[in-house]
C-alpha atoms as a PDB file:
ATOM      1  CA  MET A   1      -1.608   0.386 -17.195  1.00  0.00           C
ATOM      2  CA  ALA A   2      -2.178   3.853 -18.522  1.00  0.00           C
ATOM      3  CA  ASN A   3      -1.940   5.550 -15.128  1.00  0.00           C
ATOM      4  CA  ASN A   4       1.524   7.079 -14.772  1.00  0.00           C
ATOM      5  CA  LYS A   5       0.903   8.438 -11.280  1.00  0.00           C
ATOM      6  CA  GLU A   6       3.976   8.456  -9.058  1.00  0.00           C
ATOM      7  CA  VAL A   7       3.900   5.854  -6.309  1.00  0.00           C
ATOM      8  CA  TYR A   8       5.604   6.986  -3.100  1.00  0.00           C
ATOM      9  CA  LEU A   9       7.335   4.091  -1.365  1.00  0.00           C
ATOM     10  CA  THR A  10       9.829   3.611   1.407  1.00  0.00           C
ATOM     11  CA  PRO A  11      12.903   1.524   0.566  1.00  0.00           C
ATOM     12  CA  GLU A  12      11.320  -1.264   2.628  1.00  0.00           C
ATOM     13  CA  GLY A  13       8.087  -0.941   0.652  1.00  0.00           C
ATOM     14  CA  ILE A  14       9.903  -1.286  -2.664  1.00  0.00           C
ATOM     15  CA  GLN A  15      11.706  -4.365  -1.345  1.00  0.00           C
ATOM     16  CA  LYS A  16       8.423  -5.894  -0.170  1.00  0.00           C
ATOM     17  CA  LEU A  17       6.864  -5.393  -3.609  1.00  0.00           C
ATOM     18  CA  GLN A  18       9.952  -6.809  -5.316  1.00  0.00           C
ATOM     19  CA  ASP A  19       9.912  -9.854  -3.025  1.00  0.00           C
ATOM     20  CA  GLU A  20       6.242 -10.471  -3.821  1.00  0.00           C
ATOM     21  CA  THR A  21       6.933 -10.096  -7.556  1.00  0.00           C
ATOM     22  CA  ASP A  22       9.855 -12.525  -7.366  1.00  0.00           C
ATOM     23  CA  HIS A  23       7.709 -15.047  -5.464  1.00  0.00           C
ATOM     24  CA  LEU A  24       4.876 -14.820  -7.983  1.00  0.00           C
ATOM     25  CA  ILE A  25       7.243 -15.256 -10.920  1.00  0.00           C
ATOM     26  CA  SER A  26       9.458 -18.000  -9.521  1.00  0.00           C
ATOM     27  CA  VAL A  27       6.960 -19.964  -7.385  1.00  0.00           C
ATOM     28  CA  ARG A  28       3.314 -19.184  -8.148  1.00  0.00           C
ATOM     29  CA  ARG A  29       3.589 -18.960 -11.948  1.00  0.00           C
ATOM     30  CA  PRO A  30       5.149 -22.463 -12.239  1.00  0.00           C
ATOM     31  CA  GLU A  31       2.572 -23.860  -9.767  1.00  0.00           C
ATOM     32  CA  VAL A  32      -0.284 -22.459 -11.830  1.00  0.00           C
ATOM     33  CA  ALA A  33       1.246 -23.787 -15.058  1.00  0.00           C
ATOM     34  CA  ARG A  34       1.438 -27.222 -13.429  1.00  0.00           C
ATOM     35  CA  HIS A  35      -2.237 -26.968 -12.351  1.00  0.00           C
ATOM     36  CA  ILE A  36      -3.245 -26.079 -15.914  1.00  0.00           C
ATOM     37  CA  HIS A  37      -1.208 -28.963 -17.321  1.00  0.00           C
ATOM     38  CA  GLU A  38      -2.728 -31.421 -14.837  1.00  0.00           C
ATOM     39  CA  ALA A  39      -6.244 -30.191 -15.619  1.00  0.00           C
ATOM     40  CA  LYS A  40      -5.615 -30.613 -19.355  1.00  0.00           C
ATOM     41  CA  MET A  41      -4.517 -34.194 -18.735  1.00  0.00           C
ATOM     42  CA  ASP A  42      -7.976 -34.909 -17.303  1.00  0.00           C
ATOM     43  CA  GLY A  43      -9.443 -34.690 -20.809  1.00  0.00           C
ATOM     44  CA  ASP A  44     -12.004 -32.327 -22.319  1.00  0.00           C
ATOM     45  CA  VAL A  45     -11.271 -28.832 -20.980  1.00  0.00           C
ATOM     46  CA  SER A  46     -14.603 -27.362 -22.122  1.00  0.00           C
ATOM     47  CA  GLU A  47     -16.410 -28.770 -19.084  1.00  0.00           C
ATOM     48  CA  ASN A  48     -13.440 -29.143 -16.735  1.00  0.00           C
ATOM     49  CA  ALA A  49     -13.924 -27.068 -13.552  1.00  0.00           C
ATOM     50  CA  GLY A  50     -10.307 -27.687 -12.486  1.00  0.00           C
ATOM     51  CA  TYR A  51      -9.049 -26.265 -15.774  1.00  0.00           C
ATOM     52  CA  GLU A  52     -11.305 -23.226 -15.486  1.00  0.00           C
ATOM     53  CA  GLU A  53     -10.155 -22.625 -11.910  1.00  0.00           C
ATOM     54  CA  ALA A  54      -6.497 -22.928 -12.911  1.00  0.00           C
ATOM     55  CA  LYS A  55      -6.989 -20.446 -15.789  1.00  0.00           C
ATOM     56  CA  ASN A  56      -8.644 -17.985 -13.377  1.00  0.00           C
ATOM     57  CA  GLU A  57      -5.741 -18.444 -10.983  1.00  0.00           C
ATOM     58  CA  GLN A  58      -3.332 -17.773 -13.846  1.00  0.00           C
ATOM     59  CA  ALA A  59      -5.168 -14.557 -14.745  1.00  0.00           C
ATOM     60  CA  PHE A  60      -4.989 -13.379 -11.137  1.00  0.00           C
ATOM     61  CA  VAL A  61      -1.256 -14.138 -10.808  1.00  0.00           C
ATOM     62  CA  GLU A  62      -0.382 -12.493 -14.123  1.00  0.00           C
ATOM     63  CA  GLY A  63      -2.506  -9.443 -13.265  1.00  0.00           C
ATOM     64  CA  ARG A  64      -0.852  -9.097  -9.873  1.00  0.00           C
ATOM     65  CA  ILE A  65       2.627  -9.385 -11.424  1.00  0.00           C
ATOM     66  CA  LYS A  66       1.747  -6.632 -13.904  1.00  0.00           C
ATOM     67  CA  THR A  67       0.379  -4.409 -11.113  1.00  0.00           C
ATOM     68  CA  LEU A  68       3.458  -4.906  -8.938  1.00  0.00           C
ATOM     69  CA  GLU A  69       5.834  -4.246 -11.832  1.00  0.00           C
ATOM     70  CA  HIS A  70       3.952  -1.022 -12.585  1.00  0.00           C
ATOM     71  CA  LEU A  71       4.119   0.094  -8.943  1.00  0.00           C
ATOM     72  CA  ILE A  72       7.857  -0.587  -8.807  1.00  0.00           C
ATOM     73  CA  ALA A  73       8.487   1.194 -12.127  1.00  0.00           C
ATOM     74  CA  SER A  74       6.492   4.227 -10.941  1.00  0.00           C
ATOM     75  CA  ALA A  75       8.124   4.306  -7.506  1.00  0.00           C
ATOM     76  CA  VAL A  76       9.524   7.463  -6.002  1.00  0.00           C
ATOM     77  CA  VAL A  77      11.577   6.641  -2.927  1.00  0.00           C
ATOM     78  CA  ILE A  78      10.533   8.508   0.198  1.00  0.00           C
ATOM     79  CA  GLN A  79      13.605  10.287   1.494  1.00  0.00           C
ATOM     80  CA  ASP A  80      14.761  10.173   5.109  1.00  0.00           C
ATOM     81  CA  THR A  81      12.693  12.644   7.146  1.00  0.00           C
ATOM     82  CA  GLU A  82      14.473  12.141  10.459  1.00  0.00           C
ATOM     83  CA  HIS A  83      15.314  15.818  10.947  1.00  0.00           C
ATOM     84  CA  ASN A  84      12.205  17.398   9.437  1.00  0.00           C
ATOM     85  CA  THR A  85      10.235  19.876  11.479  1.00  0.00           C
ATOM     86  CA  HIS A  86       7.212  19.556   9.165  1.00  0.00           C
ATOM     87  CA  VAL A  87       5.075  16.514   8.486  1.00  0.00           C
ATOM     88  CA  ALA A  88       6.107  14.973   5.163  1.00  0.00           C
ATOM     89  CA  LEU A  89       6.080  11.594   3.469  1.00  0.00           C
ATOM     90  CA  GLY A  90       7.940   9.104   5.634  1.00  0.00           C
ATOM     91  CA  ALA A  91       7.429  11.106   8.831  1.00  0.00           C
ATOM     92  CA  ARG A  92       6.272   9.439  12.005  1.00  0.00           C
ATOM     93  CA  VAL A  93       3.650  11.712  13.584  1.00  0.00           C
ATOM     94  CA  THR A  94       2.213  11.491  17.080  1.00  0.00           C
ATOM     95  CA  VAL A  95      -1.157  13.213  17.435  1.00  0.00           C
ATOM     96  CA  ARG A  96      -3.590  13.778  20.265  1.00  0.00           C
ATOM     97  CA  ASP A  97      -7.251  13.340  19.419  1.00  0.00           C
ATOM     98  CA  LEU A  98      -8.736  16.463  21.015  1.00  0.00           C
ATOM     99  CA  ASP A  99     -12.251  15.021  21.018  1.00  0.00           C
ATOM    100  CA  PHE A 100     -11.355  11.813  22.896  1.00  0.00           C
ATOM    101  CA  ASP A 101      -8.000  12.786  24.483  1.00  0.00           C
ATOM    102  CA  GLU A 102      -6.273   9.772  22.934  1.00  0.00           C
ATOM    103  CA  VAL A 103      -2.734   9.733  21.544  1.00  0.00           C
ATOM    104  CA  GLU A 104      -1.915   7.836  18.353  1.00  0.00           C
ATOM    105  CA  THR A 105       1.172   7.587  16.168  1.00  0.00           C
ATOM    106  CA  TYR A 106       1.098   7.307  12.382  1.00  0.00           C
ATOM    107  CA  THR A 107       3.694   6.984   9.664  1.00  0.00           C
ATOM    108  CA  ILE A 108       2.829   8.914   6.510  1.00  0.00           C
ATOM    109  CA  VAL A 109       3.373   6.725   3.435  1.00  0.00           C
ATOM    110  CA  GLY A 110       2.193   6.534  -0.170  1.00  0.00           C
ATOM    111  CA  TYR A 111      -1.087   4.813  -0.963  1.00  0.00           C
ATOM    112  CA  ALA A 112       0.597   1.558  -2.010  1.00  0.00           C
ATOM    113  CA  GLU A 113       2.023   1.044   1.501  1.00  0.00           C
ATOM    114  CA  ALA A 114      -0.923   2.314   3.530  1.00  0.00           C
ATOM    115  CA  ASP A 115      -2.095  -0.024   6.282  1.00  0.00           C
ATOM    116  CA  PRO A 116      -4.090   1.842   8.939  1.00  0.00           C
ATOM    117  CA  THR A 117      -4.152  -1.229  11.195  1.00  0.00           C
ATOM    118  CA  GLN A 118      -0.359  -0.903  11.403  1.00  0.00           C
ATOM    119  CA  GLY A 119      -0.423   2.890  11.836  1.00  0.00           C
ATOM    120  CA  ARG A 120       0.671   3.523   8.221  1.00  0.00           C
ATOM    121  CA  ILE A 121      -1.622   6.094   6.609  1.00  0.00           C
ATOM    122  CA  SER A 122      -1.590   7.381   3.058  1.00  0.00           C
ATOM    123  CA  ASN A 123      -0.605  10.936   2.270  1.00  0.00           C
ATOM    124  CA  GLU A 124      -3.782  10.936   0.138  1.00  0.00           C
ATOM    125  CA  SER A 125      -6.109   9.946   2.998  1.00  0.00           C
ATOM    126  CA  PRO A 126      -8.090  12.679   4.763  1.00  0.00           C
ATOM    127  CA  MET A 127      -5.806  12.390   7.815  1.00  0.00           C
ATOM    128  CA  GLY A 128      -2.622  12.323   5.716  1.00  0.00           C
ATOM    129  CA  ARG A 129      -3.681  15.358   3.678  1.00  0.00           C
ATOM    130  CA  ALA A 130      -4.539  17.289   6.851  1.00  0.00           C
ATOM    131  CA  LEU A 131      -1.175  16.511   8.496  1.00  0.00           C
ATOM    132  CA  ILE A 132       1.183  17.140   5.562  1.00  0.00           C
ATOM    133  CA  GLY A 133       3.098  20.392   6.032  1.00  0.00           C
ATOM    134  CA  CYS A 134       2.110  20.893   9.682  1.00  0.00           C
ATOM    135  CA  THR A 135       4.510  21.267  12.612  1.00  0.00           C
ATOM    136  CA  ALA A 136       4.478  20.110  16.231  1.00  0.00           C
ATOM    137  CA  GLY A 137       1.882  22.032  18.209  1.00  0.00           C
ATOM    138  CA  ASP A 138      -0.363  22.649  15.201  1.00  0.00           C
ATOM    139  CA  ARG A 139      -4.020  21.797  15.501  1.00  0.00           C
ATOM    140  CA  VAL A 140      -5.689  20.225  12.501  1.00  0.00           C
ATOM    141  CA  GLN A 141      -9.203  19.378  11.462  1.00  0.00           C
ATOM    142  CA  VAL A 142      -9.787  16.215   9.484  1.00  0.00           C
ATOM    143  CA  ASN A 143     -12.925  16.013   7.393  1.00  0.00           C
ATOM    144  CA  THR A 144     -14.102  12.404   7.302  1.00  0.00           C
ATOM    145  CA  PRO A 145     -17.309  10.790   6.084  1.00  0.00           C
ATOM    146  CA  SER A 146     -18.372  10.449   9.731  1.00  0.00           C
ATOM    147  CA  GLY A 147     -17.677  14.095  10.576  1.00  0.00           C
ATOM    148  CA  VAL A 148     -14.902  16.488  11.520  1.00  0.00           C
ATOM    149  CA  LEU A 149     -12.153  15.235  13.833  1.00  0.00           C
ATOM    150  CA  HIS A 150      -9.744  17.494  15.742  1.00  0.00           C
ATOM    151  CA  PHE A 151      -6.107  16.705  16.446  1.00  0.00           C
ATOM    152  CA  GLU A 152      -3.025  18.357  17.840  1.00  0.00           C
ATOM    153  CA  ILE A 153       0.385  17.329  16.540  1.00  0.00           C
ATOM    154  CA  VAL A 154       2.458  16.258  19.538  1.00  0.00           C
ATOM    155  CA  GLU A 155       5.671  15.116  17.856  1.00  0.00           C
ATOM    156  CA  ILE A 156       7.228  14.578  14.423  1.00  0.00           C
ATOM    157  CA  SER A 157      10.083  12.150  13.979  1.00  0.00           C
END
């Protein structure tokens, strides 16, 4: 991978990636090797769908291992932001949607850990970019593909 972009991760995020890497190497890789071996035992591999499927599975597993290893090698650990007064990586931010008067809480993480369904948004997302550097009480506008959204920062922890 030629991209040497820093990957911001929490300590938990690094551990999760390492656990996945370990699982792929120690469990999935041997399983795939066994599938390939079994498919080869069925005879001519040139027209063997099981062999082709196993080789595709091997390519996926090896590609994922390489991606995870790159992410881990490029990781920059997000430092504890417990006492920050400004929104930064790792901060937990409660915002009020001024258009719908709804309150939501997000944790600002790097792109590799982003999961909006779990309230974990990337610092590179429109919302993350708008919040970084702000303080409680600030009002922010977020430019999204569906229009401009307006928020007020209620709390940073």
